[in-house]
């Protein structure tokens, strides 16, 4: 992952990003999403999960609030994908 401050630019359409969600109750989660800019210019954070319970996109609206919001921490710049084990 490359933090946005180091990368020096915003994510590009189709890139994977590291997303942090902070709830009003102090809870938080960090996940990977795909950064998607729709035809109308809105930005969406799409999970690419095979689990139907985790396929709803999040609208991304930049905010300085520290509670109950979504922020992008960085952009994925590389990945290693493990091949299936063969006997």
C-alpha atoms as a PDB file:
ATOM      1  CA  UNK A   1       0.000   0.000   0.000  1.00  0.00           C
ATOM      2  CA  UNK A   2       1.155   3.494  -0.776  1.00  0.00           C
ATOM      3  CA  UNK A   3      -0.306   6.226   1.482  1.00  0.00           C
ATOM      4  CA  UNK A   4      -1.957   9.055  -0.439  1.00  0.00           C
ATOM      5  CA  UNK A   5       0.432  11.572   1.121  1.00  0.00           C
ATOM      6  CA  UNK A   6       3.398   9.674  -0.346  1.00  0.00           C
ATOM      7  CA  UNK A   7       1.691   8.929  -3.665  1.00  0.00           C
ATOM      8  CA  UNK A   8       0.978  12.635  -4.204  1.00  0.00           C
ATOM      9  CA  UNK A   9      -2.272  12.142  -6.089  1.00  0.00           C
ATOM     10  CA  UNK A  10      -5.841  10.966  -5.731  1.00  0.00           C
ATOM     11  CA  UNK A  11      -6.759   7.378  -6.621  1.00  0.00           C
ATOM     12  CA  UNK A  12      -7.518   6.657 -10.263  1.00  0.00           C
ATOM     13  CA  UNK A  13     -10.670   4.993 -11.549  1.00  0.00           C
ATOM     14  CA  UNK A  14     -10.378   1.223 -11.118  1.00  0.00           C
ATOM     15  CA  UNK A  15      -7.550   1.221  -8.562  1.00  0.00           C
ATOM     16  CA  UNK A  16      -7.817  -0.774  -5.343  1.00  0.00           C
ATOM     17  CA  UNK A  17      -7.751   1.403  -2.240  1.00  0.00           C
ATOM     18  CA  UNK A  18      -7.422   0.842   1.499  1.00  0.00           C
ATOM     19  CA  UNK A  19     -10.580   2.177   3.137  1.00  0.00           C
ATOM     20  CA  UNK A  20     -11.194   2.951   6.799  1.00  0.00           C
ATOM     21  CA  UNK A  21     -14.716   3.313   8.175  1.00  0.00           C
ATOM     22  CA  UNK A  22     -15.167   4.905  11.603  1.00  0.00           C
ATOM     23  CA  UNK A  23     -18.501   4.657  13.376  1.00  0.00           C
ATOM     24  CA  UNK A  24     -20.022   7.168  15.765  1.00  0.00           C
ATOM     25  CA  UNK A  25     -19.599   4.543  18.503  1.00  0.00           C
ATOM     26  CA  UNK A  26     -15.816   4.443  17.957  1.00  0.00           C
ATOM     27  CA  UNK A  27     -15.835   1.193  16.037  1.00  0.00           C
ATOM     28  CA  UNK A  28     -13.782   0.959  12.862  1.00  0.00           C
ATOM     29  CA  UNK A  29     -12.858  -1.401  10.064  1.00  0.00           C
ATOM     30  CA  UNK A  30     -10.218  -1.345   7.351  1.00  0.00           C
ATOM     31  CA  UNK A  31     -10.955  -3.059   4.022  1.00  0.00           C
ATOM     32  CA  UNK A  32      -9.922  -3.041   0.360  1.00  0.00           C
ATOM     33  CA  UNK A  33     -12.314  -1.578  -2.199  1.00  0.00           C
ATOM     34  CA  UNK A  34     -12.215  -0.621  -5.863  1.00  0.00           C
ATOM     35  CA  UNK A  35     -12.287   3.145  -6.495  1.00  0.00           C
ATOM     36  CA  UNK A  36     -14.934   3.727  -9.185  1.00  0.00           C
ATOM     37  CA  UNK A  37     -15.957   7.035 -10.739  1.00  0.00           C
ATOM     38  CA  UNK A  38     -19.442   6.739 -12.244  1.00  0.00           C
ATOM     39  CA  UNK A  39     -20.566   8.485 -15.438  1.00  0.00           C
ATOM     40  CA  UNK A  40     -22.153  11.276 -13.364  1.00  0.00           C
ATOM     41  CA  UNK A  41     -18.829  11.946 -11.567  1.00  0.00           C
ATOM     42  CA  UNK A  42     -19.760  10.374  -8.232  1.00  0.00           C
ATOM     43  CA  UNK A  43     -17.117   8.263  -6.529  1.00  0.00           C
ATOM     44  CA  UNK A  44     -18.001   4.810  -5.222  1.00  0.00           C
ATOM     45  CA  UNK A  45     -15.988   2.324  -3.209  1.00  0.00           C
ATOM     46  CA  UNK A  46     -16.878  -1.135  -4.495  1.00  0.00           C
ATOM     47  CA  UNK A  47     -16.120  -4.280  -2.535  1.00  0.00           C
ATOM     48  CA  UNK A  48     -15.160  -7.100  -4.890  1.00  0.00           C
ATOM     49  CA  UNK A  49     -16.261  -9.884  -2.567  1.00  0.00           C
ATOM     50  CA  UNK A  50     -17.858 -13.124  -3.696  1.00  0.00           C
ATOM     51  CA  UNK A  51     -20.040 -13.012  -0.553  1.00  0.00           C
ATOM     52  CA  UNK A  52     -23.431 -11.413  -1.383  1.00  0.00           C
ATOM     53  CA  UNK A  53     -23.529  -9.822   2.094  1.00  0.00           C
ATOM     54  CA  UNK A  54     -20.394  -7.823   1.230  1.00  0.00           C
ATOM     55  CA  UNK A  55     -21.147  -6.497  -2.256  1.00  0.00           C
ATOM     56  CA  UNK A  56     -22.863  -3.167  -1.562  1.00  0.00           C
ATOM     57  CA  UNK A  57     -20.816  -0.158  -2.741  1.00  0.00           C
ATOM     58  CA  UNK A  58     -20.143   2.805  -0.464  1.00  0.00           C
ATOM     59  CA  UNK A  59     -20.519   6.353  -1.723  1.00  0.00           C
ATOM     60  CA  UNK A  60     -17.299   8.276  -1.106  1.00  0.00           C
ATOM     61  CA  UNK A  61     -17.676  11.855   0.042  1.00  0.00           C
ATOM     62  CA  UNK A  62     -14.551  13.492   1.413  1.00  0.00           C
ATOM     63  CA  UNK A  63     -15.019  14.691   4.955  1.00  0.00           C
ATOM     64  CA  UNK A  64     -12.818  15.995   7.740  1.00  0.00           C
ATOM     65  CA  UNK A  65     -15.097  14.557  10.414  1.00  0.00           C
ATOM     66  CA  UNK A  66     -13.451  11.892  12.539  1.00  0.00           C
ATOM     67  CA  UNK A  67     -16.592   9.934  13.369  1.00  0.00           C
ATOM     68  CA  UNK A  68     -19.116   8.069  11.284  1.00  0.00           C
ATOM     69  CA  UNK A  69     -17.275   8.500   7.997  1.00  0.00           C
ATOM     70  CA  UNK A  70     -15.213   6.752   5.335  1.00  0.00           C
ATOM     71  CA  UNK A  71     -11.643   7.688   4.409  1.00  0.00           C
ATOM     72  CA  UNK A  72      -9.097   6.386   1.924  1.00  0.00           C
ATOM     73  CA  UNK A  73      -5.758   5.600   3.565  1.00  0.00           C
ATOM     74  CA  UNK A  74      -3.794   4.492   0.525  1.00  0.00           C
ATOM     75  CA  UNK A  75      -3.656   2.891  -2.910  1.00  0.00           C
ATOM     76  CA  UNK A  76      -2.638  -0.695  -3.592  1.00  0.00           C
ATOM     77  CA  UNK A  77       0.403  -0.563  -5.866  1.00  0.00           C
ATOM     78  CA  UNK A  78       1.194  -4.273  -6.011  1.00  0.00           C
ATOM     79  CA  UNK A  79      -0.120  -7.670  -4.988  1.00  0.00           C
ATOM     80  CA  UNK A  80       1.056 -11.249  -4.837  1.00  0.00           C
ATOM     81  CA  UNK A  81      -1.634 -13.759  -5.715  1.00  0.00           C
ATOM     82  CA  UNK A  82      -1.138 -17.294  -4.442  1.00  0.00           C
ATOM     83  CA  UNK A  83      -1.805 -20.075  -6.914  1.00  0.00           C
ATOM     84  CA  UNK A  84      -3.974 -23.015  -5.859  1.00  0.00           C
ATOM     85  CA  UNK A  85      -1.976 -25.859  -4.378  1.00  0.00           C
ATOM     86  CA  UNK A  86      -1.643 -28.782  -6.740  1.00  0.00           C
ATOM     87  CA  UNK A  87      -1.097 -32.355  -5.569  1.00  0.00           C
END
